[in-house]
Amino acid sequence: MQAKGCTACHTVGGGRLVGPDLAGVAERRSPEFIIGMIVNPDSMLANDATAKELLGQYFTPMANQGVTEADAWALLEFFKWNDAEADGSDN
């Protein structure tokens, strides 16, 4: 997350920054939404109602950091793992 600059706008369990806290994001959003926002946020902001709603809440568009789809899936797995650790489960 640090390598692509995600932590400039997001925390994972530390509360809201410029963008939403990513703790629990895998429970709140579908994998397709998460991958779309990471890989192609411009298209998501233009075409997705939830992405537009989030822009209305946070007032800052998700920046395109040039993350590959493979790396986005790895981030999604990290989010799932982090949530499982926070819940104390073995997933």
C-alpha atoms as a PDB file:
ATOM      1  CA  MET A   1       0.000   0.000   0.000  1.00  0.00           C
ATOM      2  CA  GLN A   2       2.807   2.409   0.760  1.00  0.00           C
ATOM      3  CA  ALA A   3       4.603   1.791  -2.543  1.00  0.00           C
ATOM      4  CA  LYS A   4       1.670   3.153  -4.555  1.00  0.00           C
ATOM      5  CA  GLY A   5       0.891   5.963  -2.143  1.00  0.00           C
ATOM      6  CA  CYS A   6      -2.376   4.524  -0.829  1.00  0.00           C
ATOM      7  CA  THR A   7      -1.513   5.535   2.729  1.00  0.00           C
ATOM      8  CA  ALA A   8      -1.508   9.221   1.756  1.00  0.00           C
ATOM      9  CA  CYS A   9      -5.313   9.031   1.526  1.00  0.00           C
ATOM     10  CA  HIS A  10      -6.357   5.818   3.307  1.00  0.00           C
ATOM     11  CA  THR A  11      -5.812   3.966   6.556  1.00  0.00           C
ATOM     12  CA  VAL A  12      -6.654   0.384   7.369  1.00  0.00           C
ATOM     13  CA  GLY A  13      -8.311   0.613  10.745  1.00  0.00           C
ATOM     14  CA  GLY A  14      -7.056   4.088  11.592  1.00  0.00           C
ATOM     15  CA  GLY A  15     -10.131   6.041  10.557  1.00  0.00           C
ATOM     16  CA  ARG A  16     -10.983   8.380   7.732  1.00  0.00           C
ATOM     17  CA  LEU A  17      -8.321  10.462   6.003  1.00  0.00           C
ATOM     18  CA  VAL A  18      -8.791  12.042   2.586  1.00  0.00           C
ATOM     19  CA  GLY A  19     -10.479   8.793   1.561  1.00  0.00           C
ATOM     20  CA  PRO A  20     -12.356   6.123   3.474  1.00  0.00           C
ATOM     21  CA  ASP A  21     -10.834   3.760   6.014  1.00  0.00           C
ATOM     22  CA  LEU A  22     -10.200   0.477   4.202  1.00  0.00           C
ATOM     23  CA  ALA A  23     -10.799  -1.748   7.224  1.00  0.00           C
ATOM     24  CA  GLY A  24     -13.800  -3.890   6.350  1.00  0.00           C
ATOM     25  CA  VAL A  25     -13.857  -2.759   2.726  1.00  0.00           C
ATOM     26  CA  ALA A  26     -14.020  -6.372   1.485  1.00  0.00           C
ATOM     27  CA  GLU A  27     -17.223  -6.796   3.489  1.00  0.00           C
ATOM     28  CA  ARG A  28     -18.762  -3.485   2.372  1.00  0.00           C
ATOM     29  CA  ARG A  29     -17.941  -3.682  -1.339  1.00  0.00           C
ATOM     30  CA  SER A  30     -17.822  -6.378  -3.994  1.00  0.00           C
ATOM     31  CA  PRO A  31     -14.494  -7.609  -5.335  1.00  0.00           C
ATOM     32  CA  GLU A  32     -15.396  -6.124  -8.724  1.00  0.00           C
ATOM     33  CA  PHE A  33     -15.992  -2.700  -7.195  1.00  0.00           C
ATOM     34  CA  ILE A  34     -12.739  -2.776  -5.225  1.00  0.00           C
ATOM     35  CA  ILE A  35     -10.671  -3.919  -8.213  1.00  0.00           C
ATOM     36  CA  GLY A  36     -12.370  -1.357 -10.461  1.00  0.00           C
ATOM     37  CA  MET A  37     -11.649   1.501  -8.055  1.00  0.00           C
ATOM     38  CA  ILE A  38      -8.012   0.483  -7.729  1.00  0.00           C
ATOM     39  CA  VAL A  39      -7.293  -0.240 -11.403  1.00  0.00           C
ATOM     40  CA  ASN A  40      -9.595   2.169 -13.228  1.00  0.00           C
ATOM     41  CA  PRO A  41     -10.969   4.801 -10.847  1.00  0.00           C
ATOM     42  CA  ASP A  42     -11.680   7.319 -13.621  1.00  0.00           C
ATOM     43  CA  SER A  43     -14.143   4.968 -15.320  1.00  0.00           C
ATOM     44  CA  MET A  44     -15.686   3.977 -11.993  1.00  0.00           C
ATOM     45  CA  LEU A  45     -16.220   7.621 -11.026  1.00  0.00           C
ATOM     46  CA  ALA A  46     -17.842   8.305 -14.389  1.00  0.00           C
ATOM     47  CA  ASN A  47     -20.089   5.233 -14.457  1.00  0.00           C
ATOM     48  CA  ASP A  48     -20.654   3.737 -11.006  1.00  0.00           C
ATOM     49  CA  ALA A  49     -23.292   5.129  -8.634  1.00  0.00           C
ATOM     50  CA  THR A  50     -21.453   4.004  -5.490  1.00  0.00           C
ATOM     51  CA  ALA A  51     -18.200   5.575  -6.669  1.00  0.00           C
ATOM     52  CA  LYS A  52     -20.074   8.823  -7.342  1.00  0.00           C
ATOM     53  CA  GLU A  53     -21.648   8.659  -3.878  1.00  0.00           C
ATOM     54  CA  LEU A  54     -18.228   8.213  -2.280  1.00  0.00           C
ATOM     55  CA  LEU A  55     -16.913  11.211  -4.218  1.00  0.00           C
ATOM     56  CA  GLY A  56     -19.800  13.213  -2.792  1.00  0.00           C
ATOM     57  CA  GLN A  57     -18.825  12.151   0.730  1.00  0.00           C
ATOM     58  CA  TYR A  58     -15.051  12.616   0.452  1.00  0.00           C
ATOM     59  CA  PHE A  59     -14.842  15.396  -2.194  1.00  0.00           C
ATOM     60  CA  THR A  60     -11.591  13.980  -3.604  1.00  0.00           C
ATOM     61  CA  PRO A  61     -11.543  11.536  -6.522  1.00  0.00           C
ATOM     62  CA  MET A  62      -9.614   8.311  -6.213  1.00  0.00           C
ATOM     63  CA  ALA A  63      -6.299   8.842  -8.003  1.00  0.00           C
ATOM     64  CA  ASN A  64      -5.179   6.427 -10.685  1.00  0.00           C
ATOM     65  CA  GLN A  65      -1.917   5.051  -9.320  1.00  0.00           C
ATOM     66  CA  GLY A  66      -1.224   2.728 -12.249  1.00  0.00           C
ATOM     67  CA  VAL A  67      -1.849  -0.399 -10.176  1.00  0.00           C
ATOM     68  CA  THR A  68      -1.999  -3.590 -12.220  1.00  0.00           C
ATOM     69  CA  GLU A  69      -4.991  -5.884 -11.938  1.00  0.00           C
ATOM     70  CA  ALA A  70      -2.776  -8.570 -10.387  1.00  0.00           C
ATOM     71  CA  ASP A  71      -1.558  -6.135  -7.732  1.00  0.00           C
ATOM     72  CA  ALA A  72      -5.146  -4.979  -7.104  1.00  0.00           C
ATOM     73  CA  TRP A  73      -6.189  -8.581  -6.434  1.00  0.00           C
ATOM     74  CA  ALA A  74      -3.242  -8.887  -4.032  1.00  0.00           C
ATOM     75  CA  LEU A  75      -4.465  -5.754  -2.234  1.00  0.00           C
ATOM     76  CA  LEU A  76      -7.936  -7.252  -1.996  1.00  0.00           C
ATOM     77  CA  GLU A  77      -6.454 -10.382  -0.415  1.00  0.00           C
ATOM     78  CA  PHE A  78      -4.570  -8.168   2.033  1.00  0.00           C
ATOM     79  CA  PHE A  79      -7.807  -6.394   2.984  1.00  0.00           C
ATOM     80  CA  LYS A  80      -9.504  -9.760   3.580  1.00  0.00           C
ATOM     81  CA  TRP A  81      -6.552 -11.022   5.612  1.00  0.00           C
ATOM     82  CA  ASN A  82      -6.408  -7.831   7.667  1.00  0.00           C
ATOM     83  CA  ASP A  83     -10.134  -8.048   8.447  1.00  0.00           C
ATOM     84  CA  ALA A  84      -9.774 -11.696   9.500  1.00  0.00           C
ATOM     85  CA  GLU A  85      -6.870 -10.754  11.785  1.00  0.00           C
ATOM     86  CA  ALA A  86      -8.884  -7.929  13.322  1.00  0.00           C
ATOM     87  CA  ASP A  87     -11.810 -10.315  13.888  1.00  0.00           C
ATOM     88  CA  GLY A  88      -9.497 -12.942  15.366  1.00  0.00           C
ATOM     89  CA  SER A  89     -10.568 -15.561  12.837  1.00  0.00           C
ATOM     90  CA  ASP A  90      -8.333 -18.048  11.075  1.00  0.00           C
ATOM     91  CA  ASN A  91      -9.401 -17.183   7.489  1.00  0.00           C
END
